Amino acid sequence: EQHRQVLEYIRAKRKEGLHVSYSCEG
């Protein structure tokens, strides 16, 4: 659940135009 929380956070920030990204793995 926390892992998905991180990904949802990144997705939301990118929609705001901020360059937040997840690492290369997985």
mmCIF file of all heavy atoms, coordinates in Angstrom:
data_MODEL
# 
_entry.id   MODEL 
# 
loop_
_atom_site.group_PDB 
_atom_site.id 
_atom_site.type_symbol 
_atom_site.label_atom_id 
_atom_site.label_alt_id 
_atom_site.label_comp_id 
_atom_site.label_asym_id 
_atom_site.label_entity_id 
_atom_site.label_seq_id 
_atom_site.pdbx_PDB_ins_code 
_atom_site.Cartn_x 
_atom_site.Cartn_y 
_atom_site.Cartn_z 
_atom_site.occupancy 
_atom_site.B_iso_or_equiv 
_atom_site.pdbx_formal_charge 
_atom_site.auth_seq_id 
_atom_site.auth_comp_id 
_atom_site.auth_asym_id 
_atom_site.auth_atom_id 
_atom_site.pdbx_PDB_model_num 
ATOM 1   N N   . GLU A 1 1  ? 0.828  -1.210 0.000   1.00 0.00 ? 1  GLU A N   1 
ATOM 2   C CA  . GLU A 1 1  ? 0.000  0.000  0.000   1.00 0.00 ? 1  GLU A CA  1 
ATOM 3   C C   . GLU A 1 1  ? 0.862  1.260  0.000   1.00 0.00 ? 1  GLU A C   1 
ATOM 4   O O   . GLU A 1 1  ? 0.564  2.241  -0.690  1.00 0.00 ? 1  GLU A O   1 
ATOM 5   C CB  . GLU A 1 1  ? -0.927 0.007  1.226   1.00 0.00 ? 1  GLU A CB  1 
ATOM 6   C CG  . GLU A 1 1  ? -2.006 -1.069 1.201   1.00 0.00 ? 1  GLU A CG  1 
ATOM 7   C CD  . GLU A 1 1  ? -1.477 -2.451 1.564   1.00 0.00 ? 1  GLU A CD  1 
ATOM 8   O OE1 . GLU A 1 1  ? -0.329 -2.560 2.063   1.00 0.00 ? 1  GLU A OE1 1 
ATOM 9   O OE2 . GLU A 1 1  ? -2.208 -3.434 1.335   1.00 0.00 ? 1  GLU A OE2 1 
ATOM 10  N N   . GLN A 1 2  ? 1.940  1.247  0.773   1.00 0.00 ? 2  GLN A N   1 
ATOM 11  C CA  . GLN A 1 2  ? 2.835  2.401  0.815   1.00 0.00 ? 2  GLN A CA  1 
ATOM 12  C C   . GLN A 1 2  ? 3.581  2.575  -0.506  1.00 0.00 ? 2  GLN A C   1 
ATOM 13  O O   . GLN A 1 2  ? 3.822  3.708  -0.951  1.00 0.00 ? 2  GLN A O   1 
ATOM 14  C CB  . GLN A 1 2  ? 3.817  2.246  1.972   1.00 0.00 ? 2  GLN A CB  1 
ATOM 15  C CG  . GLN A 1 2  ? 3.179  2.374  3.346   1.00 0.00 ? 2  GLN A CG  1 
ATOM 16  C CD  . GLN A 1 2  ? 4.132  2.006  4.462   1.00 0.00 ? 2  GLN A CD  1 
ATOM 17  O OE1 . GLN A 1 2  ? 5.006  1.142  4.312   1.00 0.00 ? 2  GLN A OE1 1 
ATOM 18  N NE2 . GLN A 1 2  ? 3.979  2.666  5.613   1.00 0.00 ? 2  GLN A NE2 1 
ATOM 19  N N   . HIS A 1 3  ? 3.934  1.464  -1.129  1.00 0.00 ? 3  HIS A N   1 
ATOM 20  C CA  . HIS A 1 3  ? 4.609  1.528  -2.424  1.00 0.00 ? 3  HIS A CA  1 
ATOM 21  C C   . HIS A 1 3  ? 3.693  2.206  -3.446  1.00 0.00 ? 3  HIS A C   1 
ATOM 22  O O   . HIS A 1 3  ? 4.121  3.088  -4.199  1.00 0.00 ? 3  HIS A O   1 
ATOM 23  C CB  . HIS A 1 3  ? 4.973  0.110  -2.886  1.00 0.00 ? 3  HIS A CB  1 
ATOM 24  C CG  . HIS A 1 3  ? 6.033  0.075  -3.933  1.00 0.00 ? 3  HIS A CG  1 
ATOM 25  N ND1 . HIS A 1 3  ? 6.970  -0.910 -4.013  1.00 0.00 ? 3  HIS A ND1 1 
ATOM 26  C CD2 . HIS A 1 3  ? 6.309  0.916  -4.953  1.00 0.00 ? 3  HIS A CD2 1 
ATOM 27  C CE1 . HIS A 1 3  ? 7.769  -0.692 -5.039  1.00 0.00 ? 3  HIS A CE1 1 
ATOM 28  N NE2 . HIS A 1 3  ? 7.386  0.409  -5.631  1.00 0.00 ? 3  HIS A NE2 1 
ATOM 29  N N   . ARG A 1 4  ? 2.437  1.797  -3.457  1.00 0.00 ? 4  ARG A N   1 
ATOM 30  C CA  . ARG A 1 4  ? 1.483  2.447  -4.361  1.00 0.00 ? 4  ARG A CA  1 
ATOM 31  C C   . ARG A 1 4  ? 1.298  3.916  -4.005  1.00 0.00 ? 4  ARG A C   1 
ATOM 32  O O   . ARG A 1 4  ? 1.121  4.765  -4.885  1.00 0.00 ? 4  ARG A O   1 
ATOM 33  C CB  . ARG A 1 4  ? 0.133  1.714  -4.322  1.00 0.00 ? 4  ARG A CB  1 
ATOM 34  C CG  . ARG A 1 4  ? 0.128  0.392  -5.069  1.00 0.00 ? 4  ARG A CG  1 
ATOM 35  C CD  . ARG A 1 4  ? -1.296 -0.095 -5.310  1.00 0.00 ? 4  ARG A CD  1 
ATOM 36  N NE  . ARG A 1 4  ? -2.004 -0.347 -4.067  1.00 0.00 ? 4  ARG A NE  1 
ATOM 37  C CZ  . ARG A 1 4  ? -1.957 -1.497 -3.388  1.00 0.00 ? 4  ARG A CZ  1 
ATOM 38  N NH1 . ARG A 1 4  ? -1.227 -2.494 -3.847  1.00 0.00 ? 4  ARG A NH1 1 
ATOM 39  N NH2 . ARG A 1 4  ? -2.632 -1.650 -2.270  1.00 0.00 ? 4  ARG A NH2 1 
ATOM 40  N N   . GLN A 1 5  ? 1.363  4.226  -2.721  1.00 0.00 ? 5  GLN A N   1 
ATOM 41  C CA  . GLN A 1 5  ? 1.237  5.620  -2.288  1.00 0.00 ? 5  GLN A CA  1 
ATOM 42  C C   . GLN A 1 5  ? 2.343  6.480  -2.899  1.00 0.00 ? 5  GLN A C   1 
ATOM 43  O O   . GLN A 1 5  ? 2.094  7.615  -3.342  1.00 0.00 ? 5  GLN A O   1 
ATOM 44  C CB  . GLN A 1 5  ? 1.298  5.687  -0.759  1.00 0.00 ? 5  GLN A CB  1 
ATOM 45  C CG  . GLN A 1 5  ? 1.155  7.097  -0.189  1.00 0.00 ? 5  GLN A CG  1 
ATOM 46  C CD  . GLN A 1 5  ? 1.233  7.113  1.336   1.00 0.00 ? 5  GLN A CD  1 
ATOM 47  O OE1 . GLN A 1 5  ? 0.978  6.106  2.002   1.00 0.00 ? 5  GLN A OE1 1 
ATOM 48  N NE2 . GLN A 1 5  ? 1.605  8.259  1.906   1.00 0.00 ? 5  GLN A NE2 1 
ATOM 49  N N   . VAL A 1 6  ? 3.565  5.954  -2.927  1.00 0.00 ? 6  VAL A N   1 
ATOM 50  C CA  . VAL A 1 6  ? 4.687  6.676  -3.539  1.00 0.00 ? 6  VAL A CA  1 
ATOM 51  C C   . VAL A 1 6  ? 4.428  6.913  -5.020  1.00 0.00 ? 6  VAL A C   1 
ATOM 52  O O   . VAL A 1 6  ? 4.620  8.022  -5.545  1.00 0.00 ? 6  VAL A O   1 
ATOM 53  C CB  . VAL A 1 6  ? 6.008  5.903  -3.336  1.00 0.00 ? 6  VAL A CB  1 
ATOM 54  C CG1 . VAL A 1 6  ? 7.134  6.541  -4.151  1.00 0.00 ? 6  VAL A CG1 1 
ATOM 55  C CG2 . VAL A 1 6  ? 6.389  5.863  -1.864  1.00 0.00 ? 6  VAL A CG2 1 
ATOM 56  N N   . LEU A 1 7  ? 3.980  5.880  -5.711  1.00 0.00 ? 7  LEU A N   1 
ATOM 57  C CA  . LEU A 1 7  ? 3.740  5.997  -7.145  1.00 0.00 ? 7  LEU A CA  1 
ATOM 58  C C   . LEU A 1 7  ? 2.593  6.959  -7.452  1.00 0.00 ? 7  LEU A C   1 
ATOM 59  O O   . LEU A 1 7  ? 2.661  7.726  -8.417  1.00 0.00 ? 7  LEU A O   1 
ATOM 60  C CB  . LEU A 1 7  ? 3.467  4.611  -7.738  1.00 0.00 ? 7  LEU A CB  1 
ATOM 61  C CG  . LEU A 1 7  ? 4.632  3.617  -7.616  1.00 0.00 ? 7  LEU A CG  1 
ATOM 62  C CD1 . LEU A 1 7  ? 4.197  2.233  -8.082  1.00 0.00 ? 7  LEU A CD1 1 
ATOM 63  C CD2 . LEU A 1 7  ? 5.836  4.090  -8.410  1.00 0.00 ? 7  LEU A CD2 1 
ATOM 64  N N   . GLU A 1 8  ? 1.553  6.914  -6.635  1.00 0.00 ? 8  GLU A N   1 
ATOM 65  C CA  . GLU A 1 8  ? 0.440  7.846  -6.828  1.00 0.00 ? 8  GLU A CA  1 
ATOM 66  C C   . GLU A 1 8  ? 0.893  9.280  -6.568  1.00 0.00 ? 8  GLU A C   1 
ATOM 67  O O   . GLU A 1 8  ? 0.454  10.218 -7.249  1.00 0.00 ? 8  GLU A O   1 
ATOM 68  C CB  . GLU A 1 8  ? -0.727 7.483  -5.905  1.00 0.00 ? 8  GLU A CB  1 
ATOM 69  C CG  . GLU A 1 8  ? -1.432 6.179  -6.261  1.00 0.00 ? 8  GLU A CG  1 
ATOM 70  C CD  . GLU A 1 8  ? -2.169 6.242  -7.592  1.00 0.00 ? 8  GLU A CD  1 
ATOM 71  O OE1 . GLU A 1 8  ? -2.473 7.367  -8.056  1.00 0.00 ? 8  GLU A OE1 1 
ATOM 72  O OE2 . GLU A 1 8  ? -2.428 5.177  -8.175  1.00 0.00 ? 8  GLU A OE2 1 
ATOM 73  N N   . TYR A 1 9  ? 1.768  9.463  -5.608  1.00 0.00 ? 9  TYR A N   1 
ATOM 74  C CA  . TYR A 1 9  ? 2.306  10.787 -5.322  1.00 0.00 ? 9  TYR A CA  1 
ATOM 75  C C   . TYR A 1 9  ? 3.091  11.310 -6.534  1.00 0.00 ? 9  TYR A C   1 
ATOM 76  O O   . TYR A 1 9  ? 2.919  12.462 -6.952  1.00 0.00 ? 9  TYR A O   1 
ATOM 77  C CB  . TYR A 1 9  ? 3.218  10.726 -4.096  1.00 0.00 ? 9  TYR A CB  1 
ATOM 78  C CG  . TYR A 1 9  ? 3.946  12.019 -3.812  1.00 0.00 ? 9  TYR A CG  1 
ATOM 79  C CD1 . TYR A 1 9  ? 3.332  13.043 -3.098  1.00 0.00 ? 9  TYR A CD1 1 
ATOM 80  C CD2 . TYR A 1 9  ? 5.251  12.219 -4.269  1.00 0.00 ? 9  TYR A CD2 1 
ATOM 81  C CE1 . TYR A 1 9  ? 3.994  14.244 -2.852  1.00 0.00 ? 9  TYR A CE1 1 
ATOM 82  C CE2 . TYR A 1 9  ? 5.918  13.406 -4.028  1.00 0.00 ? 9  TYR A CE2 1 
ATOM 83  C CZ  . TYR A 1 9  ? 5.285  14.419 -3.317  1.00 0.00 ? 9  TYR A CZ  1 
ATOM 84  O OH  . TYR A 1 9  ? 5.949  15.598 -3.087  1.00 0.00 ? 9  TYR A OH  1 
ATOM 85  N N   . ILE A 1 10 ? 3.937  10.457 -7.091  1.00 0.00 ? 10 ILE A N   1 
ATOM 86  C CA  . ILE A 1 10 ? 4.731  10.859 -8.257  1.00 0.00 ? 10 ILE A CA  1 
ATOM 87  C C   . ILE A 1 10 ? 3.821  11.200 -9.426  1.00 0.00 ? 10 ILE A C   1 
ATOM 88  O O   . ILE A 1 10 ? 3.996  12.223 -10.107 1.00 0.00 ? 10 ILE A O   1 
ATOM 89  C CB  . ILE A 1 10 ? 5.717  9.740  -8.648  1.00 0.00 ? 10 ILE A CB  1 
ATOM 90  C CG1 . ILE A 1 10 ? 6.750  9.532  -7.538  1.00 0.00 ? 10 ILE A CG1 1 
ATOM 91  C CG2 . ILE A 1 10 ? 6.406  10.073 -9.967  1.00 0.00 ? 10 ILE A CG2 1 
ATOM 92  C CD1 . ILE A 1 10 ? 7.642  8.329  -7.747  1.00 0.00 ? 10 ILE A CD1 1 
ATOM 93  N N   . ARG A 1 11 ? 2.841  10.347 -9.662  1.00 0.00 ? 11 ARG A N   1 
ATOM 94  C CA  . ARG A 1 11 ? 1.903  10.573 -10.763 1.00 0.00 ? 11 ARG A CA  1 
ATOM 95  C C   . ARG A 1 11 ? 1.213  11.936 -10.607 1.00 0.00 ? 11 ARG A C   1 
ATOM 96  O O   . ARG A 1 11 ? 1.088  12.707 -11.570 1.00 0.00 ? 11 ARG A O   1 
ATOM 97  C CB  . ARG A 1 11 ? 0.875  9.449  -10.800 1.00 0.00 ? 11 ARG A CB  1 
ATOM 98  C CG  . ARG A 1 11 ? -0.217 9.635  -11.843 1.00 0.00 ? 11 ARG A CG  1 
ATOM 99  C CD  . ARG A 1 11 ? -1.313 8.602  -11.617 1.00 0.00 ? 11 ARG A CD  1 
ATOM 100 N NE  . ARG A 1 11 ? -1.021 7.337  -12.288 1.00 0.00 ? 11 ARG A NE  1 
ATOM 101 C CZ  . ARG A 1 11 ? -1.688 6.211  -12.047 1.00 0.00 ? 11 ARG A CZ  1 
ATOM 102 N NH1 . ARG A 1 11 ? -2.629 6.172  -11.115 1.00 0.00 ? 11 ARG A NH1 1 
ATOM 103 N NH2 . ARG A 1 11 ? -1.400 5.108  -12.721 1.00 0.00 ? 11 ARG A NH2 1 
ATOM 104 N N   . ALA A 1 12 ? 0.793  12.245 -9.393  1.00 0.00 ? 12 ALA A N   1 
ATOM 105 C CA  . ALA A 1 12 ? 0.100  13.516 -9.142  1.00 0.00 ? 12 ALA A CA  1 
ATOM 106 C C   . ALA A 1 12 ? 1.028  14.709 -9.350  1.00 0.00 ? 12 ALA A C   1 
ATOM 107 O O   . ALA A 1 12 ? 0.625  15.727 -9.949  1.00 0.00 ? 12 ALA A O   1 
ATOM 108 C CB  . ALA A 1 12 ? -0.464 13.518 -7.724  1.00 0.00 ? 12 ALA A CB  1 
ATOM 109 N N   . LYS A 1 13 ? 2.255  14.609 -8.867  1.00 0.00 ? 13 LYS A N   1 
ATOM 110 C CA  . LYS A 1 13 ? 3.197  15.720 -9.004  1.00 0.00 ? 13 LYS A CA  1 
ATOM 111 C C   . LYS A 1 13 ? 3.548  15.965 -10.468 1.00 0.00 ? 13 LYS A C   1 
ATOM 112 O O   . LYS A 1 13 ? 3.708  17.119 -10.903 1.00 0.00 ? 13 LYS A O   1 
ATOM 113 C CB  . LYS A 1 13 ? 4.457  15.449 -8.185  1.00 0.00 ? 13 LYS A CB  1 
ATOM 114 C CG  . LYS A 1 13 ? 4.245  15.556 -6.679  1.00 0.00 ? 13 LYS A CG  1 
ATOM 115 C CD  . LYS A 1 13 ? 3.750  16.941 -6.292  1.00 0.00 ? 13 LYS A CD  1 
ATOM 116 C CE  . LYS A 1 13 ? 3.402  17.046 -4.836  1.00 0.00 ? 13 LYS A CE  1 
ATOM 117 N NZ  . LYS A 1 13 ? 2.871  18.387 -4.474  1.00 0.00 ? 13 LYS A NZ  1 
ATOM 118 N N   . ARG A 1 14 ? 3.680  14.891 -11.244 1.00 0.00 ? 14 ARG A N   1 
ATOM 119 C CA  . ARG A 1 14 ? 3.989  15.053 -12.667 1.00 0.00 ? 14 ARG A CA  1 
ATOM 120 C C   . ARG A 1 14 ? 2.831  15.713 -13.404 1.00 0.00 ? 14 ARG A C   1 
ATOM 121 O O   . ARG A 1 14 ? 3.045  16.481 -14.349 1.00 0.00 ? 14 ARG A O   1 
ATOM 122 C CB  . ARG A 1 14 ? 4.348  13.706 -13.281 1.00 0.00 ? 14 ARG A CB  1 
ATOM 123 C CG  . ARG A 1 14 ? 5.673  13.153 -12.759 1.00 0.00 ? 14 ARG A CG  1 
ATOM 124 C CD  . ARG A 1 14 ? 5.920  11.738 -13.222 1.00 0.00 ? 14 ARG A CD  1 
ATOM 125 N NE  . ARG A 1 14 ? 6.255  11.650 -14.637 1.00 0.00 ? 14 ARG A NE  1 
ATOM 126 C CZ  . ARG A 1 14 ? 7.476  11.746 -15.136 1.00 0.00 ? 14 ARG A CZ  1 
ATOM 127 N NH1 . ARG A 1 14 ? 8.508  11.965 -14.332 1.00 0.00 ? 14 ARG A NH1 1 
ATOM 128 N NH2 . ARG A 1 14 ? 7.689  11.638 -16.433 1.00 0.00 ? 14 ARG A NH2 1 
ATOM 129 N N   . LYS A 1 15 ? 1.610  15.428 -12.979 1.00 0.00 ? 15 LYS A N   1 
ATOM 130 C CA  . LYS A 1 15 ? 0.450  16.092 -13.586 1.00 0.00 ? 15 LYS A CA  1 
ATOM 131 C C   . LYS A 1 15 ? 0.455  17.582 -13.279 1.00 0.00 ? 15 LYS A C   1 
ATOM 132 O O   . LYS A 1 15 ? -0.098 18.385 -14.037 1.00 0.00 ? 15 LYS A O   1 
ATOM 133 C CB  . LYS A 1 15 ? -0.836 15.442 -13.094 1.00 0.00 ? 15 LYS A CB  1 
ATOM 134 C CG  . LYS A 1 15 ? -1.096 14.065 -13.704 1.00 0.00 ? 15 LYS A CG  1 
ATOM 135 C CD  . LYS A 1 15 ? -2.404 13.472 -13.208 1.00 0.00 ? 15 LYS A CD  1 
ATOM 136 C CE  . LYS A 1 15 ? -2.665 12.121 -13.857 1.00 0.00 ? 15 LYS A CE  1 
ATOM 137 N NZ  . LYS A 1 15 ? -3.931 11.506 -13.360 1.00 0.00 ? 15 LYS A NZ  1 
ATOM 138 N N   . GLU A 1 16 ? 1.086  17.945 -12.140 1.00 0.00 ? 16 GLU A N   1 
ATOM 139 C CA  . GLU A 1 16 ? 1.221  19.357 -11.789 1.00 0.00 ? 16 GLU A CA  1 
ATOM 140 C C   . GLU A 1 16 ? 2.361  20.021 -12.564 1.00 0.00 ? 16 GLU A C   1 
ATOM 141 O O   . GLU A 1 16 ? 2.544  21.237 -12.480 1.00 0.00 ? 16 GLU A O   1 
ATOM 142 C CB  . GLU A 1 16 ? 1.495  19.503 -10.286 1.00 0.00 ? 16 GLU A CB  1 
ATOM 143 C CG  . GLU A 1 16 ? 0.342  19.076 -9.392  1.00 0.00 ? 16 GLU A CG  1 
ATOM 144 C CD  . GLU A 1 16 ? 0.710  19.139 -7.920  1.00 0.00 ? 16 GLU A CD  1 
ATOM 145 O OE1 . GLU A 1 16 ? 1.747  19.774 -7.590  1.00 0.00 ? 16 GLU A OE1 1 
ATOM 146 O OE2 . GLU A 1 16 ? -0.023 18.568 -7.094  1.00 0.00 ? 16 GLU A OE2 1 
ATOM 147 N N   . GLY A 1 17 ? 3.135  19.218 -13.301 1.00 0.00 ? 17 GLY A N   1 
ATOM 148 C CA  . GLY A 1 17 ? 4.253  19.748 -14.071 1.00 0.00 ? 17 GLY A CA  1 
ATOM 149 C C   . GLY A 1 17 ? 5.586  19.696 -13.356 1.00 0.00 ? 17 GLY A C   1 
ATOM 150 O O   . GLY A 1 17 ? 6.583  20.213 -13.879 1.00 0.00 ? 17 GLY A O   1 
ATOM 151 N N   . LEU A 1 18 ? 5.644  19.070 -12.179 1.00 0.00 ? 18 LEU A N   1 
ATOM 152 C CA  . LEU A 1 18 ? 6.907  18.947 -11.446 1.00 0.00 ? 18 LEU A CA  1 
ATOM 153 C C   . LEU A 1 18 ? 7.639  17.695 -11.905 1.00 0.00 ? 18 LEU A C   1 
ATOM 154 O O   . LEU A 1 18 ? 7.029  16.639 -12.102 1.00 0.00 ? 18 LEU A O   1 
ATOM 155 C CB  . LEU A 1 18 ? 6.647  18.878 -9.940  1.00 0.00 ? 18 LEU A CB  1 
ATOM 156 C CG  . LEU A 1 18 ? 5.917  20.076 -9.323  1.00 0.00 ? 18 LEU A CG  1 
ATOM 157 C CD1 . LEU A 1 18 ? 5.773  19.883 -7.820  1.00 0.00 ? 18 LEU A CD1 1 
ATOM 158 C CD2 . LEU A 1 18 ? 6.641  21.373 -9.630  1.00 0.00 ? 18 LEU A CD2 1 
ATOM 159 N N   . HIS A 1 19 ? 8.958  17.815 -12.064 1.00 0.00 ? 19 HIS A N   1 
ATOM 160 C CA  . HIS A 1 19 ? 9.731  16.666 -12.530 1.00 0.00 ? 19 HIS A CA  1 
ATOM 161 C C   . HIS A 1 19 ? 10.154 15.806 -11.340 1.00 0.00 ? 19 HIS A C   1 
ATOM 162 O O   . HIS A 1 19 ? 11.292 15.840 -10.873 1.00 0.00 ? 19 HIS A O   1 
ATOM 163 C CB  . HIS A 1 19 ? 10.954 17.093 -13.333 1.00 0.00 ? 19 HIS A CB  1 
ATOM 164 C CG  . HIS A 1 19 ? 11.472 15.992 -14.204 1.00 0.00 ? 19 HIS A CG  1 
ATOM 165 N ND1 . HIS A 1 19 ? 12.384 15.070 -13.779 1.00 0.00 ? 19 HIS A ND1 1 
ATOM 166 C CD2 . HIS A 1 19 ? 11.146 15.639 -15.474 1.00 0.00 ? 19 HIS A CD2 1 
ATOM 167 C CE1 . HIS A 1 19 ? 12.630 14.203 -14.749 1.00 0.00 ? 19 HIS A CE1 1 
ATOM 168 N NE2 . HIS A 1 19 ? 11.889 14.533 -15.791 1.00 0.00 ? 19 HIS A NE2 1 
ATOM 169 N N   . VAL A 1 20 ? 9.199  15.022 -10.871 1.00 0.00 ? 20 VAL A N   1 
ATOM 170 C CA  . VAL A 1 20 ? 9.440  14.000 -9.857  1.00 0.00 ? 20 VAL A CA  1 
ATOM 171 C C   . VAL A 1 20 ? 9.317  12.665 -10.571 1.00 0.00 ? 20 VAL A C   1 
ATOM 172 O O   . VAL A 1 20 ? 8.395  12.463 -11.364 1.00 0.00 ? 20 VAL A O   1 
ATOM 173 C CB  . VAL A 1 20 ? 8.413  14.093 -8.710  1.00 0.00 ? 20 VAL A CB  1 
ATOM 174 C CG1 . VAL A 1 20 ? 8.711  13.060 -7.626  1.00 0.00 ? 20 VAL A CG1 1 
ATOM 175 C CG2 . VAL A 1 20 ? 8.409  15.493 -8.123  1.00 0.00 ? 20 VAL A CG2 1 
ATOM 176 N N   . SER A 1 21 ? 10.229 11.740 -10.320 1.00 0.00 ? 21 SER A N   1 
ATOM 177 C CA  . SER A 1 21 ? 10.204 10.476 -11.049 1.00 0.00 ? 21 SER A CA  1 
ATOM 178 C C   . SER A 1 21 ? 10.570 9.315  -10.144 1.00 0.00 ? 21 SER A C   1 
ATOM 179 O O   . SER A 1 21 ? 11.177 9.493  -9.084  1.00 0.00 ? 21 SER A O   1 
ATOM 180 C CB  . SER A 1 21 ? 11.156 10.526 -12.251 1.00 0.00 ? 21 SER A CB  1 
ATOM 181 O OG  . SER A 1 21 ? 12.484 10.761 -11.824 1.00 0.00 ? 21 SER A OG  1 
ATOM 182 N N   . TYR A 1 22 ? 10.175 8.127  -10.581 1.00 0.00 ? 22 TYR A N   1 
ATOM 183 C CA  . TYR A 1 22 ? 10.521 6.907  -9.870  1.00 0.00 ? 22 TYR A CA  1 
ATOM 184 C C   . TYR A 1 22 ? 11.827 6.377  -10.444 1.00 0.00 ? 22 TYR A C   1 
ATOM 185 O O   . TYR A 1 22 ? 12.186 6.653  -11.583 1.00 0.00 ? 22 TYR A O   1 
ATOM 186 C CB  . TYR A 1 22 ? 9.403  5.870  -10.015 1.00 0.00 ? 22 TYR A CB  1 
ATOM 187 C CG  . TYR A 1 22 ? 9.591  4.630  -9.162  1.00 0.00 ? 22 TYR A CG  1 
ATOM 188 C CD1 . TYR A 1 22 ? 9.538  4.708  -7.777  1.00 0.00 ? 22 TYR A CD1 1 
ATOM 189 C CD2 . TYR A 1 22 ? 9.820  3.386  -9.741  1.00 0.00 ? 22 TYR A CD2 1 
ATOM 190 C CE1 . TYR A 1 22 ? 9.710  3.582  -6.993  1.00 0.00 ? 22 TYR A CE1 1 
ATOM 191 C CE2 . TYR A 1 22 ? 9.984  2.255  -8.969  1.00 0.00 ? 22 TYR A CE2 1 
ATOM 192 C CZ  . TYR A 1 22 ? 9.937  2.355  -7.595  1.00 0.00 ? 22 TYR A CZ  1 
ATOM 193 O OH  . TYR A 1 22 ? 10.117 1.242  -6.813  1.00 0.00 ? 22 TYR A OH  1 
ATOM 194 N N   . SER A 1 23 ? 12.518 5.562  -9.663  1.00 0.00 ? 23 SER A N   1 
ATOM 195 C CA  . SER A 1 23 ? 13.801 5.017  -10.099 1.00 0.00 ? 23 SER A CA  1 
ATOM 196 C C   . SER A 1 23 ? 13.623 4.103  -11.309 1.00 0.00 ? 23 SER A C   1 
ATOM 197 O O   . SER A 1 23 ? 12.510 3.790  -11.727 1.00 0.00 ? 23 SER A O   1 
ATOM 198 C CB  . SER A 1 23 ? 14.440 4.234  -8.952  1.00 0.00 ? 23 SER A CB  1 
ATOM 199 O OG  . SER A 1 23 ? 13.648 3.099  -8.639  1.00 0.00 ? 23 SER A OG  1 
ATOM 200 N N   . CYS A 1 24 ? 14.723 3.634  -11.838 1.00 0.00 ? 24 CYS A N   1 
ATOM 201 C CA  . CYS A 1 24 ? 14.695 2.872  -13.083 1.00 0.00 ? 24 CYS A CA  1 
ATOM 202 C C   . CYS A 1 24 ? 14.209 1.440  -12.901 1.00 0.00 ? 24 CYS A C   1 
ATOM 203 O O   . CYS A 1 24 ? 13.908 0.761  -13.875 1.00 0.00 ? 24 CYS A O   1 
ATOM 204 C CB  . CYS A 1 24 ? 16.092 2.855  -13.703 1.00 0.00 ? 24 CYS A CB  1 
ATOM 205 S SG  . CYS A 1 24 ? 17.348 2.071  -12.648 1.00 0.00 ? 24 CYS A SG  1 
ATOM 206 N N   . GLU A 1 25 ? 14.137 0.937  -11.673 1.00 0.00 ? 25 GLU A N   1 
ATOM 207 C CA  . GLU A 1 25 ? 13.884 -0.487 -11.492 1.00 0.00 ? 25 GLU A CA  1 
ATOM 208 C C   . GLU A 1 25 ? 12.409 -0.831 -11.403 1.00 0.00 ? 25 GLU A C   1 
ATOM 209 O O   . GLU A 1 25 ? 11.578 -0.021 -11.011 1.00 0.00 ? 25 GLU A O   1 
ATOM 210 C CB  . GLU A 1 25 ? 14.595 -0.982 -10.233 1.00 0.00 ? 25 GLU A CB  1 
ATOM 211 C CG  . GLU A 1 25 ? 14.035 -0.433 -8.947  1.00 0.00 ? 25 GLU A CG  1 
ATOM 212 C CD  . GLU A 1 25 ? 14.719 -1.029 -7.734  1.00 0.00 ? 25 GLU A CD  1 
ATOM 213 O OE1 . GLU A 1 25 ? 15.949 -1.196 -7.766  1.00 0.00 ? 25 GLU A OE1 1 
ATOM 214 O OE2 . GLU A 1 25 ? 14.019 -1.334 -6.767  1.00 0.00 ? 25 GLU A OE2 1 
ATOM 215 N N   . GLY A 1 26 ? 12.094 -2.074 -11.799 1.00 0.00 ? 26 GLY A N   1 
ATOM 216 C CA  . GLY A 1 26 ? 10.767 -2.623 -11.596 1.00 0.00 ? 26 GLY A CA  1 
ATOM 217 C C   . GLY A 1 26 ? 9.769  -2.337 -12.693 1.00 0.00 ? 26 GLY A C   1 
ATOM 218 O O   . GLY A 1 26 ? 9.475  -1.182 -12.985 1.00 0.00 ? 26 GLY A O   1 
# 
